[in-house]
């Protein structure tokens, strides 16, 4: 199985089974009231361990963040994902935001709405831009055109 991820506390994903069936959606890893800030990472770690047998992961690499805290959160998610891949001997690759947007829309600075429209044009119905980004990675970098 292959997993495509738009990393974040509200994370988009697309999972492609060995039969080619696509399952996609958005998962919220925010900590609930009264929980520590580390809970989002524990929720992500737990979610990864509920995945079926994934052998390959591709994810969105963000190099410019809106602030220091956002950069820290992203880095923690990326580190957890890479550690999970390494521990399970899964292949993984990060793909830059602009590269994904350009492949999906022809424009490296596409808006959230344009990314959703691109996923819809490819025959998918993303619930939000996070799912659309994960689908864009799958469609353009996973051999599912």
Protein backbone atom coordinates (compact mmCIF):
# COMPACT_ATOMS: atom_id res chain seq x y z
CA UNK A 1 0.00 0.00 0.00
CA UNK A 2 1.05 3.56 -0.63
CA UNK A 3 0.37 6.55 1.60
CA UNK A 4 0.36 10.20 0.48
CA UNK A 5 0.27 12.89 3.17
CA UNK A 6 -0.18 16.64 3.50
CA UNK A 7 1.54 16.99 6.89
CA UNK A 8 -0.08 19.10 9.59
CA UNK A 9 -2.25 19.10 12.69
CA UNK A 10 -5.15 18.86 10.22
CA UNK A 11 -3.62 16.29 7.90
CA UNK A 12 -4.82 15.26 4.47
CA UNK A 13 -4.09 11.72 3.31
CA UNK A 14 -4.66 9.35 0.41
CA UNK A 15 -4.07 5.65 0.84
CA UNK A 16 -3.84 3.37 -2.19
CA UNK A 17 -4.36 -0.31 -1.58
CA UNK A 18 -2.69 -3.10 -3.52
CA UNK A 19 -5.90 -3.44 -5.56
CA UNK A 20 -5.65 0.23 -6.53
CA UNK A 21 -8.58 1.32 -4.35
CA UNK A 22 -8.12 4.88 -3.04
CA UNK A 23 -9.21 5.94 0.43
CA UNK A 24 -8.68 9.59 1.30
CA UNK A 25 -9.68 12.12 3.89
CA UNK A 26 -8.55 14.52 6.58
CA UNK A 27 -7.54 13.65 10.13
CA UNK A 28 -7.42 16.17 12.98
CA UNK A 29 -4.51 15.71 15.36
CA UNK A 30 -5.10 18.81 17.49
CA UNK A 31 -4.92 18.27 21.24
CA UNK A 32 -8.28 18.45 23.01
CA UNK A 33 -8.88 20.86 25.86
CA UNK A 34 -6.89 19.82 28.89
CA UNK A 35 -4.38 17.77 26.90
CA UNK A 36 -0.73 18.69 26.55
CA UNK A 37 0.73 20.06 23.33
CA UNK A 38 2.49 16.75 22.71
CA UNK A 39 -0.84 14.96 22.37
CA UNK A 40 -1.08 15.89 18.67
CA UNK A 41 2.14 13.95 18.03
CA UNK A 42 0.96 10.96 20.03
CA UNK A 43 -2.30 10.97 18.05
CA UNK A 44 -0.32 11.02 14.79
CA UNK A 45 2.00 8.21 15.97
CA UNK A 46 -1.03 6.13 16.97
CA UNK A 47 -2.77 6.84 13.64
CA UNK A 48 0.29 5.74 11.68
CA UNK A 49 0.29 2.47 13.58
CA UNK A 50 -3.31 1.79 12.56
CA UNK A 51 -2.40 2.01 8.89
CA UNK A 52 -2.53 -1.19 6.89
CA UNK A 53 0.76 -2.50 5.59
CA UNK A 54 2.19 0.63 3.98
CA UNK A 55 5.39 0.17 1.97
CA UNK A 56 5.81 3.60 0.39
CA UNK A 57 5.12 7.14 1.64
CA UNK A 58 5.22 10.46 -0.19
CA UNK A 59 4.51 13.68 1.65
CA UNK A 60 4.46 17.46 1.21
CA UNK A 61 7.64 19.25 2.28
CA UNK A 62 7.09 22.76 3.61
CA UNK A 63 10.22 24.91 3.70
CA UNK A 64 8.63 28.28 4.50
CA UNK A 65 6.42 28.56 7.57
CA UNK A 66 4.27 31.38 8.91
CA UNK A 67 6.15 31.37 12.19
CA UNK A 68 8.58 29.58 14.44
CA UNK A 69 5.90 27.55 16.22
CA UNK A 70 4.46 26.33 12.89
CA UNK A 71 7.95 25.28 11.82
CA UNK A 72 8.42 23.34 15.06
CA UNK A 73 5.08 21.57 14.71
CA UNK A 74 5.77 20.65 11.08
CA UNK A 75 9.28 19.42 11.93
CA UNK A 76 7.96 17.20 14.71
CA UNK A 77 5.37 15.63 12.39
CA UNK A 78 7.97 15.11 9.68
CA UNK A 79 10.40 13.54 12.15
CA UNK A 80 7.75 11.15 13.46
CA UNK A 81 6.78 10.17 9.91
CA UNK A 82 10.39 9.55 8.90
CA UNK A 83 11.07 7.54 12.07
CA UNK A 84 7.97 5.38 11.43
CA UNK A 85 9.11 4.80 7.85
CA UNK A 86 12.65 3.91 8.89
CA UNK A 87 11.47 1.55 11.65
CA UNK A 88 9.18 -0.27 9.21
CA UNK A 89 11.68 -0.22 6.33
CA UNK A 90 9.25 1.85 4.25
CA UNK A 91 10.48 4.05 1.44
CA UNK A 92 9.63 7.74 1.81
CA UNK A 93 10.05 10.92 -0.17
CA UNK A 94 9.23 14.54 0.52
CA UNK A 95 8.02 16.70 -2.36
CA UNK A 96 8.06 20.50 -2.22
CA UNK A 97 4.82 22.48 -1.99
CA UNK A 98 5.49 24.47 -5.17
CA UNK A 99 6.36 21.31 -7.09
CA UNK A 100 3.08 19.69 -6.05
CA UNK A 101 1.02 22.77 -6.88
CA UNK A 102 2.69 23.20 -10.27
CA UNK A 103 2.14 19.55 -11.17
CA UNK A 104 -1.53 19.74 -10.14
CA UNK A 105 -2.49 23.13 -11.58
CA UNK A 106 0.37 24.35 -13.76
CA UNK A 107 1.05 27.13 -11.23
CA UNK A 108 3.47 26.75 -8.33
CA UNK A 109 1.57 29.20 -6.12
CA UNK A 110 -1.91 27.77 -6.64
CA UNK A 111 -4.59 28.65 -4.09
CA UNK A 112 -6.41 26.16 -1.90
CA UNK A 113 -9.45 26.52 -4.15
CA UNK A 114 -7.37 25.75 -7.25
CA UNK A 115 -5.95 22.62 -5.59
CA UNK A 116 -9.46 21.43 -4.74
CA UNK A 117 -10.58 22.11 -8.32
CA UNK A 118 -7.61 20.13 -9.67
CA UNK A 119 -8.52 17.12 -7.51
CA UNK A 120 -12.14 17.39 -8.66
CA UNK A 121 -11.04 17.58 -12.30
CA UNK A 122 -9.17 14.30 -11.73
CA UNK A 123 -12.39 12.67 -10.51
CA UNK A 124 -12.04 12.98 -6.73
CA UNK A 125 -14.21 14.82 -4.19
CA UNK A 126 -11.89 16.22 -1.52
CA UNK A 127 -13.52 17.48 1.67
CA UNK A 128 -10.94 20.23 2.05
CA UNK A 129 -7.63 21.56 0.74
CA UNK A 130 -5.59 19.20 2.93
CA UNK A 131 -7.17 16.15 1.32
CA UNK A 132 -6.82 17.82 -2.11
CA UNK A 133 -3.08 18.27 -1.51
CA UNK A 134 -2.66 14.61 -0.55
CA UNK A 135 -4.62 13.57 -3.64
CA UNK A 136 -2.41 15.85 -5.78
CA UNK A 137 0.68 14.05 -4.50
CA UNK A 138 -0.93 10.70 -5.27
CA UNK A 139 -2.13 11.72 -8.74
CA UNK A 140 1.05 13.46 -9.87
CA UNK A 141 3.79 11.54 -8.05
CA UNK A 142 2.24 8.14 -7.42
CA UNK A 143 1.44 6.99 -10.93
CA UNK A 144 -2.34 7.60 -10.69
CA UNK A 145 -3.00 10.09 -13.52
